[in-house]
C-alpha atoms as a PDB file:
ATOM      1  CA  MET A   1      -5.638 -68.369  -7.514  1.00  0.00           C
ATOM      2  CA  SER A   2      -5.445 -71.788  -9.206  1.00  0.00           C
ATOM      3  CA  ILE A   3      -1.920 -72.143 -10.641  1.00  0.00           C
ATOM      4  CA  VAL A   4       1.029 -70.217  -9.225  1.00  0.00           C
ATOM      5  CA  VAL A   5       4.422 -70.151 -10.946  1.00  0.00           C
ATOM      6  CA  PHE A   6       7.519 -69.203  -8.945  1.00  0.00           C
ATOM      7  CA  ALA A   7      10.421 -68.005 -11.102  1.00  0.00           C
ATOM      8  CA  ASN A   8      13.787 -66.581 -10.094  1.00  0.00           C
ATOM      9  CA  PRO A   9      14.271 -63.241 -11.922  1.00  0.00           C
ATOM     10  CA  ARG A  10      18.035 -63.438 -11.329  1.00  0.00           C
ATOM     11  CA  SER A  11      18.490 -66.858 -12.904  1.00  0.00           C
ATOM     12  CA  ARG A  12      20.598 -67.150 -16.061  1.00  0.00           C
ATOM     13  CA  ALA A  13      17.583 -68.311 -18.080  1.00  0.00           C
ATOM     14  CA  ASN A  14      15.449 -65.333 -17.055  1.00  0.00           C
ATOM     15  CA  ARG A  15      18.300 -62.868 -17.580  1.00  0.00           C
ATOM     16  CA  ARG A  16      18.806 -64.230 -21.100  1.00  0.00           C
ATOM     17  CA  ASP A  17      15.086 -64.075 -21.849  1.00  0.00           C
ATOM     18  CA  PRO A  18      13.409 -61.391 -19.682  1.00  0.00           C
ATOM     19  CA  ASP A  19      10.154 -61.814 -21.631  1.00  0.00           C
ATOM     20  CA  ARG A  20       9.793 -65.430 -20.516  1.00  0.00           C
ATOM     21  CA  ALA A  21       7.580 -64.499 -17.564  1.00  0.00           C
ATOM     22  CA  ARG A  22       5.200 -62.569 -19.810  1.00  0.00           C
ATOM     23  CA  HIS A  23       5.053 -65.532 -22.163  1.00  0.00           C
ATOM     24  CA  PHE A  24       4.230 -67.842 -19.257  1.00  0.00           C
ATOM     25  CA  ALA A  25       1.497 -65.448 -18.090  1.00  0.00           C
ATOM     26  CA  LYS A  26      -0.021 -65.470 -21.567  1.00  0.00           C
ATOM     27  CA  ILE A  27      -0.087 -69.285 -21.586  1.00  0.00           C
ATOM     28  CA  LEU A  28      -1.771 -69.361 -18.169  1.00  0.00           C
ATOM     29  CA  GLY A  29      -4.365 -66.721 -18.960  1.00  0.00           C
ATOM     30  CA  GLU A  30      -7.038 -66.637 -16.261  1.00  0.00           C
ATOM     31  CA  THR A  31      -5.898 -69.940 -14.700  1.00  0.00           C
ATOM     32  CA  GLY A  32      -3.010 -68.468 -12.692  1.00  0.00           C
ATOM     33  CA  HIS A  33      -0.173 -65.987 -12.472  1.00  0.00           C
ATOM     34  CA  ILE A  34       3.613 -65.615 -12.152  1.00  0.00           C
ATOM     35  CA  LEU A  35       5.568 -64.648  -9.031  1.00  0.00           C
ATOM     36  CA  LEU A  36       9.081 -63.222  -9.373  1.00  0.00           C
ATOM     37  CA  PRO A  37      10.521 -62.792  -5.853  1.00  0.00           C
ATOM     38  CA  ALA A  38      13.862 -61.021  -6.085  1.00  0.00           C
ATOM     39  CA  SER A  39      15.196 -61.932  -2.619  1.00  0.00           C
ATOM     40  CA  SER A  40      14.877 -64.595   0.055  1.00  0.00           C
ATOM     41  CA  ASP A  41      12.692 -62.269   2.133  1.00  0.00           C
ATOM     42  CA  ALA A  42      10.422 -61.624  -0.845  1.00  0.00           C
ATOM     43  CA  LEU A  43      10.247 -65.378  -1.494  1.00  0.00           C
ATOM     44  CA  ALA A  44       9.209 -66.037   2.111  1.00  0.00           C
ATOM     45  CA  SER A  45       6.483 -63.367   1.895  1.00  0.00           C
ATOM     46  CA  GLU A  46       5.149 -64.730  -1.381  1.00  0.00           C
ATOM     47  CA  ALA A  47       5.177 -68.275   0.011  1.00  0.00           C
ATOM     48  CA  SER A  48       3.115 -67.144   3.013  1.00  0.00           C
ATOM     49  CA  ARG A  49       0.538 -65.505   0.730  1.00  0.00           C
ATOM     50  CA  VAL A  50       0.397 -68.598  -1.465  1.00  0.00           C
ATOM     51  CA  ALA A  51      -0.135 -70.832   1.573  1.00  0.00           C
ATOM     52  CA  GLN A  52      -3.126 -68.699   2.566  1.00  0.00           C
ATOM     53  CA  ALA A  53      -4.579 -68.664  -0.967  1.00  0.00           C
ATOM     54  CA  GLN A  54      -4.295 -72.462  -1.346  1.00  0.00           C
ATOM     55  CA  PRO A  55      -3.684 -72.829  -5.116  1.00  0.00           C
ATOM     56  CA  SER A  56      -4.353 -76.151  -6.818  1.00  0.00           C
ATOM     57  CA  ILE A  57      -0.830 -76.376  -8.315  1.00  0.00           C
ATOM     58  CA  ILE A  58       2.470 -74.630  -7.635  1.00  0.00           C
ATOM     59  CA  ALA A  59       4.944 -74.589 -10.514  1.00  0.00           C
ATOM     60  CA  VAL A  60       8.652 -73.772 -10.186  1.00  0.00           C
ATOM     61  CA  TYR A  61      10.600 -72.458 -13.179  1.00  0.00           C
ATOM     62  CA  GLY A  62      14.356 -72.784 -12.838  1.00  0.00           C
ATOM     63  CA  GLY A  63      17.003 -75.268 -11.803  1.00  0.00           C
ATOM     64  CA  ASP A  64      17.664 -77.260  -8.662  1.00  0.00           C
ATOM     65  CA  GLY A  65      18.748 -74.197  -6.699  1.00  0.00           C
ATOM     66  CA  THR A  66      15.492 -72.357  -7.432  1.00  0.00           C
ATOM     67  CA  LEU A  67      13.533 -75.500  -6.517  1.00  0.00           C
ATOM     68  CA  HIS A  68      15.472 -75.908  -3.262  1.00  0.00           C
ATOM     69  CA  TRP A  69      14.850 -72.309  -2.161  1.00  0.00           C
ATOM     70  CA  THR A  70      11.186 -72.407  -3.189  1.00  0.00           C
ATOM     71  CA  VAL A  71      10.462 -75.732  -1.477  1.00  0.00           C
ATOM     72  CA  THR A  72      12.175 -74.474   1.690  1.00  0.00           C
ATOM     73  CA  ALA A  73      10.016 -71.331   1.740  1.00  0.00           C
ATOM     74  CA  LEU A  74       6.829 -73.290   0.990  1.00  0.00           C
ATOM     75  CA  VAL A  75       7.413 -75.986   3.634  1.00  0.00           C
ATOM     76  CA  ARG A  76       7.976 -73.277   6.236  1.00  0.00           C
ATOM     77  CA  ALA A  77       4.858 -71.380   5.112  1.00  0.00           C
ATOM     78  CA  TYR A  78       2.567 -74.418   4.988  1.00  0.00           C
ATOM     79  CA  GLY A  79       3.776 -75.851   8.288  1.00  0.00           C
ATOM     80  CA  GLU A  80       2.094 -79.182   8.980  1.00  0.00           C
ATOM     81  CA  ARG A  81      -0.262 -78.864   6.006  1.00  0.00           C
ATOM     82  CA  PRO A  82       0.632 -80.795   2.839  1.00  0.00           C
ATOM     83  CA  LEU A  83       1.748 -78.804  -0.189  1.00  0.00           C
ATOM     84  CA  PRO A  84      -0.318 -78.968  -3.383  1.00  0.00           C
ATOM     85  CA  PRO A  85       1.229 -80.784  -6.367  1.00  0.00           C
ATOM     86  CA  LEU A  86       4.455 -79.187  -7.601  1.00  0.00           C
ATOM     87  CA  ALA A  87       5.093 -78.807 -11.324  1.00  0.00           C
ATOM     88  CA  LEU A  88       8.756 -78.654 -12.351  1.00  0.00           C
ATOM     89  CA  LEU A  89       9.523 -76.354 -15.286  1.00  0.00           C
ATOM     90  CA  PRO A  90      13.233 -77.095 -15.850  1.00  0.00           C
ATOM     91  CA  GLY A  91      15.217 -73.990 -16.750  1.00  0.00           C
ATOM     92  CA  GLY A  92      18.426 -73.958 -14.735  1.00  0.00           C
ATOM     93  CA  THR A  93      22.064 -74.940 -15.004  1.00  0.00           C
ATOM     94  CA  MET A  94      21.314 -78.104 -13.014  1.00  0.00           C
ATOM     95  CA  ASN A  95      17.978 -79.918 -13.266  1.00  0.00           C
ATOM     96  CA  VAL A  96      18.788 -83.254 -11.639  1.00  0.00           C
ATOM     97  CA  VAL A  97      15.539 -83.481  -9.651  1.00  0.00           C
ATOM     98  CA  ALA A  98      13.408 -83.180 -12.792  1.00  0.00           C
ATOM     99  CA  SER A  99      15.716 -85.536 -14.694  1.00  0.00           C
ATOM    100  CA  SER A 100      15.675 -88.129 -11.880  1.00  0.00           C
ATOM    101  CA  LEU A 101      11.861 -88.098 -11.823  1.00  0.00           C
ATOM    102  CA  GLY A 102      11.606 -88.409 -15.619  1.00  0.00           C
ATOM    103  CA  ILE A 103      10.091 -84.933 -16.036  1.00  0.00           C
ATOM    104  CA  LEU A 104      11.382 -84.067 -19.480  1.00  0.00           C
ATOM    105  CA  ALA A 105       8.617 -81.813 -20.849  1.00  0.00           C
ATOM    106  CA  GLN A 106       9.471 -78.329 -22.109  1.00  0.00           C
ATOM    107  CA  PRO A 107       8.311 -75.620 -19.657  1.00  0.00           C
ATOM    108  CA  GLU A 108       5.875 -73.999 -22.115  1.00  0.00           C
ATOM    109  CA  ALA A 109       4.333 -77.330 -23.093  1.00  0.00           C
ATOM    110  CA  LEU A 110       3.861 -78.435 -19.483  1.00  0.00           C
ATOM    111  CA  LEU A 111       2.421 -75.062 -18.495  1.00  0.00           C
ATOM    112  CA  ALA A 112      -0.064 -75.257 -21.366  1.00  0.00           C
ATOM    113  CA  GLN A 113      -1.069 -78.740 -20.216  1.00  0.00           C
ATOM    114  CA  LEU A 114      -1.583 -77.487 -16.654  1.00  0.00           C
ATOM    115  CA  ALA A 115      -3.719 -74.564 -17.832  1.00  0.00           C
ATOM    116  CA  ALA A 116      -5.875 -76.812 -20.018  1.00  0.00           C
ATOM    117  CA  ASP A 117      -6.350 -79.326 -17.200  1.00  0.00           C
ATOM    118  CA  GLU A 118      -7.274 -76.521 -14.799  1.00  0.00           C
ATOM    119  CA  ARG A 119      -9.955 -75.228 -17.165  1.00  0.00           C
ATOM    120  CA  ALA A 120     -11.329 -78.754 -17.561  1.00  0.00           C
ATOM    121  CA  ALA A 121     -11.134 -79.451 -13.791  1.00  0.00           C
ATOM    122  CA  HIS A 122      -8.910 -82.428 -14.603  1.00  0.00           C
ATOM    123  CA  PRO A 123      -6.565 -83.304 -11.688  1.00  0.00           C
ATOM    124  CA  PRO A 124      -2.957 -83.985 -12.704  1.00  0.00           C
ATOM    125  CA  ALA A 125      -1.194 -87.323 -12.432  1.00  0.00           C
ATOM    126  CA  VAL A 126       1.547 -87.090  -9.821  1.00  0.00           C
ATOM    127  CA  VAL A 127       4.650 -88.902  -8.620  1.00  0.00           C
ATOM    128  CA  ALA A 128       5.431 -88.877  -4.884  1.00  0.00           C
ATOM    129  CA  ARG A 129       8.888 -88.068  -3.514  1.00  0.00           C
ATOM    130  CA  ARG A 130      10.213 -87.115  -0.082  1.00  0.00           C
ATOM    131  CA  CYS A 131      12.580 -84.233   0.411  1.00  0.00           C
ATOM    132  CA  MET A 132      15.216 -83.981   3.137  1.00  0.00           C
ATOM    133  CA  ARG A 133      15.784 -81.446   5.882  1.00  0.00           C
ATOM    134  CA  ILE A 134      19.440 -80.400   5.871  1.00  0.00           C
ATOM    135  CA  GLN A 135      20.056 -78.188   8.905  1.00  0.00           C
ATOM    136  CA  ASP A 136      17.192 -75.686   8.435  1.00  0.00           C
ATOM    137  CA  GLU A 137      16.866 -76.038   4.652  1.00  0.00           C
ATOM    138  CA  TYR A 138      14.916 -78.493   2.516  1.00  0.00           C
ATOM    139  CA  GLY A 139      16.239 -80.206  -0.576  1.00  0.00           C
ATOM    140  CA  PHE A 140      16.830 -83.455  -2.423  1.00  0.00           C
ATOM    141  CA  VAL A 141      20.628 -83.872  -2.727  1.00  0.00           C
ATOM    142  CA  PHE A 142      23.190 -83.360   0.050  1.00  0.00           C
ATOM    143  CA  GLY A 143      26.922 -83.846  -0.271  1.00  0.00           C
ATOM    144  CA  THR A 144      30.261 -83.010   1.301  1.00  0.00           C
ATOM    145  CA  GLY A 145      33.868 -83.903   0.538  1.00  0.00           C
ATOM    146  CA  LEU A 146      34.394 -84.690  -3.154  1.00  0.00           C
ATOM    147  CA  ILE A 147      30.792 -83.719  -4.004  1.00  0.00           C
ATOM    148  CA  SER A 148      30.964 -80.172  -2.651  1.00  0.00           C
ATOM    149  CA  ASN A 149      34.635 -79.701  -3.623  1.00  0.00           C
ATOM    150  CA  PHE A 150      33.757 -80.453  -7.244  1.00  0.00           C
ATOM    151  CA  LEU A 151      30.957 -77.872  -7.229  1.00  0.00           C
ATOM    152  CA  GLU A 152      33.196 -75.261  -5.613  1.00  0.00           C
ATOM    153  CA  GLU A 153      35.663 -75.659  -8.496  1.00  0.00           C
ATOM    154  CA  TYR A 154      32.826 -75.805 -11.042  1.00  0.00           C
ATOM    155  CA  TYR A 155      31.441 -72.423  -9.960  1.00  0.00           C
ATOM    156  CA  VAL A 156      34.733 -70.573  -9.504  1.00  0.00           C
ATOM    157  CA  LYS A 157      34.952 -69.120 -13.040  1.00  0.00           C
ATOM    158  CA  GLY A 158      31.265 -68.406 -13.533  1.00  0.00           C
ATOM    159  CA  GLU A 159      31.208 -70.680 -16.580  1.00  0.00           C
ATOM    160  CA  TYR A 160      28.712 -73.540 -16.464  1.00  0.00           C
ATOM    161  CA  GLY A 161      27.709 -76.517 -18.544  1.00  0.00           C
ATOM    162  CA  ALA A 162      28.595 -80.100 -19.360  1.00  0.00           C
ATOM    163  CA  ARG A 163      31.915 -79.243 -21.032  1.00  0.00           C
ATOM    164  CA  ARG A 164      33.262 -77.538 -17.911  1.00  0.00           C
ATOM    165  CA  ALA A 165      32.081 -80.389 -15.643  1.00  0.00           C
ATOM    166  CA  ILE A 166      33.756 -83.004 -17.860  1.00  0.00           C
ATOM    167  CA  TRP A 167      36.940 -80.911 -18.037  1.00  0.00           C
ATOM    168  CA  ILE A 168      37.159 -80.735 -14.225  1.00  0.00           C
ATOM    169  CA  LEU A 169      36.553 -84.479 -13.938  1.00  0.00           C
ATOM    170  CA  LEU A 170      39.238 -85.401 -16.472  1.00  0.00           C
ATOM    171  CA  ARG A 171      41.723 -82.851 -15.158  1.00  0.00           C
ATOM    172  CA  SER A 172      41.238 -84.141 -11.600  1.00  0.00           C
ATOM    173  CA  ILE A 173      41.922 -87.742 -12.609  1.00  0.00           C
ATOM    174  CA  LEU A 174      44.987 -86.742 -14.660  1.00  0.00           C
ATOM    175  CA  SER A 175      46.323 -84.613 -11.795  1.00  0.00           C
ATOM    176  CA  GLU A 176      45.851 -87.436  -9.281  1.00  0.00           C
ATOM    177  CA  ALA A 177      47.840 -89.745 -11.578  1.00  0.00           C
ATOM    178  CA  THR A 178      50.666 -87.201 -12.078  1.00  0.00           C
ATOM    179  CA  THR A 179      51.545 -84.084 -10.052  1.00  0.00           C
ATOM    180  CA  GLY A 180      48.554 -84.133  -7.722  1.00  0.00           C
ATOM    181  CA  HIS A 181      48.423 -80.331  -7.313  1.00  0.00           C
ATOM    182  CA  TYR A 182      44.995 -79.771  -8.866  1.00  0.00           C
ATOM    183  CA  ALA A 183      43.618 -83.005  -7.434  1.00  0.00           C
ATOM    184  CA  LYS A 184      44.298 -81.844  -3.872  1.00  0.00           C
ATOM    185  CA  ARG A 185      41.516 -79.257  -4.173  1.00  0.00           C
ATOM    186  CA  ILE A 186      38.947 -81.665  -5.627  1.00  0.00           C
ATOM    187  CA  PHE A 187      39.801 -84.720  -3.541  1.00  0.00           C
ATOM    188  CA  ARG A 188      40.035 -83.070  -0.118  1.00  0.00           C
ATOM    189  CA  ARG A 189      38.689 -85.669   2.282  1.00  0.00           C
ATOM    190  CA  PHE A 190      36.056 -85.283   4.939  1.00  0.00           C
ATOM    191  CA  CYS A 191      37.420 -86.098   8.388  1.00  0.00           C
ATOM    192  CA  GLY A 192      35.146 -86.864  11.318  1.00  0.00           C
ATOM    193  CA  ARG A 193      32.465 -89.203  12.585  1.00  0.00           C
ATOM    194  CA  VAL A 194      29.267 -90.124  10.734  1.00  0.00           C
ATOM    195  CA  PHE A 195      26.175 -91.655  12.328  1.00  0.00           C
ATOM    196  CA  VAL A 196      23.512 -93.283  10.136  1.00  0.00           C
ATOM    197  CA  ASP A 197      20.279 -93.872  12.057  1.00  0.00           C
ATOM    198  CA  GLY A 198      22.339 -93.874  15.243  1.00  0.00           C
ATOM    199  CA  GLN A 199      24.998 -96.324  14.023  1.00  0.00           C
ATOM    200  CA  ILE A 200      28.524 -94.973  13.612  1.00  0.00           C
ATOM    201  CA  LEU A 201      30.374 -95.693  10.367  1.00  0.00           C
ATOM    202  CA  PRO A 202      33.799 -97.347  10.737  1.00  0.00           C
ATOM    203  CA  TRP A 203      35.612 -94.723   8.599  1.00  0.00           C
ATOM    204  CA  THR A 204      36.832 -91.426  10.028  1.00  0.00           C
ATOM    205  CA  THR A 205      38.077 -90.127   6.670  1.00  0.00           C
ATOM    206  CA  LEU A 206      35.930 -90.254   3.549  1.00  0.00           C
ATOM    207  CA  LEU A 207      36.528 -89.139  -0.004  1.00  0.00           C
ATOM    208  CA  GLY A 208      32.884 -88.128  -0.209  1.00  0.00           C
ATOM    209  CA  LEU A 209      29.651 -88.377   1.755  1.00  0.00           C
ATOM    210  CA  GLY A 210      26.188 -87.899   0.313  1.00  0.00           C
ATOM    211  CA  ALA A 211      22.489 -88.368   0.946  1.00  0.00           C
ATOM    212  CA  ALA A 212      19.668 -87.998  -1.552  1.00  0.00           C
ATOM    213  CA  THR A 213      16.084 -88.798  -2.452  1.00  0.00           C
ATOM    214  CA  VAL A 214      16.836 -88.575  -6.183  1.00  0.00           C
ATOM    215  CA  GLY A 215      19.405 -90.584  -8.107  1.00  0.00           C
ATOM    216  CA  GLU A 216      21.175 -88.199 -10.474  1.00  0.00           C
ATOM    217  CA  VAL A 217      23.895 -85.650  -9.759  1.00  0.00           C
ATOM    218  CA  GLY A 218      24.356 -84.300 -13.290  1.00  0.00           C
ATOM    219  CA  LEU A 219      25.541 -85.392 -16.743  1.00  0.00           C
ATOM    220  CA  GLY A 220      23.306 -88.450 -16.409  1.00  0.00           C
ATOM    221  CA  PHE A 221      25.425 -89.923 -13.580  1.00  0.00           C
ATOM    222  CA  LYS A 222      23.220 -91.713 -11.035  1.00  0.00           C
ATOM    223  CA  LEU A 223      25.592 -91.495  -8.101  1.00  0.00           C
ATOM    224  CA  ASN A 224      22.847 -91.901  -5.490  1.00  0.00           C
ATOM    225  CA  HIS A 225      21.738 -95.330  -6.675  1.00  0.00           C
ATOM    226  CA  ARG A 226      19.896 -96.164  -3.416  1.00  0.00           C
ATOM    227  CA  ALA A 227      17.668 -93.068  -3.533  1.00  0.00           C
ATOM    228  CA  ASP A 228      14.707 -94.987  -5.008  1.00  0.00           C
ATOM    229  CA  ASP A 229      14.984 -98.038  -2.742  1.00  0.00           C
ATOM    230  CA  HIS A 230      12.413 -96.988  -0.137  1.00  0.00           C
ATOM    231  CA  PRO A 231       9.741 -94.247  -0.324  1.00  0.00           C
ATOM    232  CA  GLY A 232      10.171 -93.398   3.362  1.00  0.00           C
ATOM    233  CA  ARG A 233      13.969 -93.198   3.435  1.00  0.00           C
ATOM    234  CA  PHE A 234      16.829 -91.460   1.636  1.00  0.00           C
ATOM    235  CA  GLY A 235      19.902 -93.029   0.099  1.00  0.00           C
ATOM    236  CA  VAL A 236      23.260 -92.632   1.856  1.00  0.00           C
ATOM    237  CA  LEU A 237      26.638 -92.988   0.149  1.00  0.00           C
ATOM    238  CA  ALA A 238      30.011 -92.985   1.944  1.00  0.00           C
ATOM    239  CA  ILE A 239      32.967 -93.167  -0.473  1.00  0.00           C
ATOM    240  CA  HIS A 240      36.104 -94.505   1.205  1.00  0.00           C
ATOM    241  CA  SER A 241      38.261 -95.458  -1.784  1.00  0.00           C
ATOM    242  CA  SER A 242      41.166 -93.681  -3.421  1.00  0.00           C
ATOM    243  CA  PRO A 243      40.277 -91.133  -6.127  1.00  0.00           C
ATOM    244  CA  LEU A 244      41.739 -93.208  -8.958  1.00  0.00           C
ATOM    245  CA  GLY A 245      39.763 -96.236  -7.813  1.00  0.00           C
ATOM    246  CA  LEU A 246      36.540 -94.416  -8.674  1.00  0.00           C
ATOM    247  CA  ALA A 247      37.465 -94.270 -12.346  1.00  0.00           C
ATOM    248  CA  TRP A 248      36.594 -97.965 -12.645  1.00  0.00           C
ATOM    249  CA  ASP A 249      33.065 -97.229 -11.432  1.00  0.00           C
ATOM    250  CA  LEU A 250      32.153 -94.419 -13.837  1.00  0.00           C
ATOM    251  CA  PRO A 251      30.331 -96.715 -16.326  1.00  0.00           C
ATOM    252  CA  ALA A 252      28.395 -98.412 -13.503  1.00  0.00           C
ATOM    253  CA  VAL A 253      27.410 -95.057 -11.989  1.00  0.00           C
ATOM    254  CA  ARG A 254      26.254 -93.853 -15.393  1.00  0.00           C
ATOM    255  CA  GLN A 255      24.071 -96.959 -15.713  1.00  0.00           C
ATOM    256  CA  GLY A 256      22.597 -96.541 -12.226  1.00  0.00           C
ATOM    257  CA  ARG A 257      24.387 -99.493 -10.576  1.00  0.00           C
ATOM    258  CA  GLY A 258      26.413 -97.285  -8.235  1.00  0.00           C
ATOM    259  CA  ILE A 259      29.964 -97.442  -6.952  1.00  0.00           C
ATOM    260  CA  SER A 260      31.336-100.879  -6.118  1.00  0.00           C
ATOM    261  CA  PRO A 261      30.867-101.923  -2.451  1.00  0.00           C
ATOM    262  CA  ARG A 262      34.651-102.332  -2.335  1.00  0.00           C
ATOM    263  CA  ARG A 263      35.006 -98.571  -2.704  1.00  0.00           C
ATOM    264  CA  ALA A 264      31.838 -97.138  -1.145  1.00  0.00           C
ATOM    265  CA  TRP A 265      29.282 -98.016   1.504  1.00  0.00           C
ATOM    266  CA  SER A 266      25.612 -97.394   0.774  1.00  0.00           C
ATOM    267  CA  ALA A 267      22.335 -97.752   2.640  1.00  0.00           C
ATOM    268  CA  VAL A 268      18.916 -96.168   3.119  1.00  0.00           C
ATOM    269  CA  ALA A 269      18.153 -94.171   6.254  1.00  0.00           C
ATOM    270  CA  THR A 270      15.994 -91.535   7.900  1.00  0.00           C
ATOM    271  CA  ARG A 271      18.683 -89.590   9.758  1.00  0.00           C
ATOM    272  CA  LEU A 272      22.320 -88.681   9.225  1.00  0.00           C
ATOM    273  CA  VAL A 273      24.430 -86.908  11.857  1.00  0.00           C
ATOM    274  CA  ILE A 274      27.881 -85.653  10.876  1.00  0.00           C
ATOM    275  CA  GLU A 275      30.516 -84.614  13.424  1.00  0.00           C
ATOM    276  CA  PRO A 276      33.413 -83.018  11.494  1.00  0.00           C
ATOM    277  CA  GLU A 277      36.914 -82.645  12.849  1.00  0.00           C
ATOM    278  CA  GLU A 278      37.462 -79.406  10.944  1.00  0.00           C
ATOM    279  CA  PRO A 279      35.976 -76.186  12.393  1.00  0.00           C
ATOM    280  CA  GLU A 280      34.136 -75.463   9.127  1.00  0.00           C
ATOM    281  CA  THR A 281      32.489 -77.828   6.639  1.00  0.00           C
ATOM    282  CA  LEU A 282      31.689 -77.104   3.004  1.00  0.00           C
ATOM    283  CA  TYR A 283      28.558 -78.895   1.816  1.00  0.00           C
ATOM    284  CA  THR A 284      25.963 -78.688  -0.921  1.00  0.00           C
ATOM    285  CA  VAL A 285      22.188 -78.778  -1.017  1.00  0.00           C
ATOM    286  CA  ASP A 286      20.833 -79.232  -4.547  1.00  0.00           C
ATOM    287  CA  GLY A 287      23.874 -77.606  -6.100  1.00  0.00           C
ATOM    288  CA  ASP A 288      24.003 -74.586  -3.765  1.00  0.00           C
ATOM    289  CA  LEU A 289      27.064 -74.366  -1.514  1.00  0.00           C
ATOM    290  CA  TYR A 290      26.990 -73.730   2.238  1.00  0.00           C
ATOM    291  CA  ARG A 291      29.529 -73.580   5.040  1.00  0.00           C
ATOM    292  CA  ALA A 292      28.670 -74.744   8.533  1.00  0.00           C
ATOM    293  CA  ARG A 293      30.414 -74.736  11.893  1.00  0.00           C
ATOM    294  CA  GLY A 294      29.838 -77.700  14.168  1.00  0.00           C
ATOM    295  CA  ASN A 295      27.708 -80.753  13.491  1.00  0.00           C
ATOM    296  CA  LEU A 296      25.519 -81.295  10.445  1.00  0.00           C
ATOM    297  CA  SER A 297      22.127 -82.993  10.468  1.00  0.00           C
ATOM    298  CA  VAL A 298      20.233 -84.569   7.571  1.00  0.00           C
ATOM    299  CA  ALA A 299      16.737 -85.880   8.283  1.00  0.00           C
ATOM    300  CA  LEU A 300      13.761 -87.031   6.258  1.00  0.00           C
ATOM    301  CA  GLY A 301      11.568 -84.150   5.135  1.00  0.00           C
ATOM    302  CA  PRO A 302       7.869 -84.031   4.199  1.00  0.00           C
ATOM    303  CA  ALA A 303       6.290 -86.003   1.383  1.00  0.00           C
ATOM    304  CA  LEU A 304       5.762 -84.003  -1.807  1.00  0.00           C
ATOM    305  CA  SER A 305       3.929 -84.756  -5.027  1.00  0.00           C
ATOM    306  CA  PHE A 306       5.190 -83.730  -8.459  1.00  0.00           C
ATOM    307  CA  VAL A 307       3.076 -83.371 -11.580  1.00  0.00           C
ATOM    308  CA  ARG A 308       3.784 -86.139 -14.085  1.00  0.00           C
ATOM    309  CA  PRO A 309       3.539 -84.617 -17.578  1.00  0.00           C
ATOM    310  CA  ARG A 310       1.471 -86.359 -20.226  1.00  0.00           C
ATOM    311  CA  ILE A 311       3.760 -84.930 -22.877  1.00  0.00           C
ATOM    312  CA  GLY A 312       7.460 -85.618 -23.391  1.00  0.00           C
END
């Protein structure tokens, strides 16, 4: 087994095009095969078999959620052993990890490149990136407060895409400036204590709190502008401003300069401990939503390598 491709059969892309997996298998030919685990248990079993077979490359077809679940299963299966290079085949609603790393190749084109390189025994060029351990999961973007509230509203109707995200953003700002009813859902603040590498932050209420090893959060906005500062740390962002104050920072965030220090605190770290006042905390890992009771922990995860495509 040389190249293995994990794909989520329940993803929107695969439901729209159920023949995609067969097309991928045809591109791979004898160089690899496709895995379509239909549940978390099936994913864990497949990951264990892959770890024993030791493929040269593992590809993931889907969005950030599929990547997050697959990386979690693989890290658990491999244990202390390093994972082989990961090839991102973007095909989900959110693909911020691939976008942040400059992986813009079409899935079929990248898969064809991988198959050709495998036949020629040509090792791929890679880019290194750490992941994070959030509770017992592994991912690249963590957020609570505004970040998770926005996603909760984004998913509520089952309609996805840039137009809906922009509509929520504009409606939230308009609501905050007028009646405030809609804005209350989006701008619910996090209340509690936050420790960054053992040091407590001075704010006990925050509009949003995030940590990431990649810069983008969607729509080209590079909210986590410290994510690339240090290869052995993740970026931390604590937003303490008013909601309307953030509107001034939208152009800077789009350009990768981040939110003004007057409205948000940022740093790089290896550990984040969150002690919420509320009994339950809504948070996100790579676009998937979770609810936790008690404290939350974010720590540096293992180093991973991602295939850098030769084609655009």
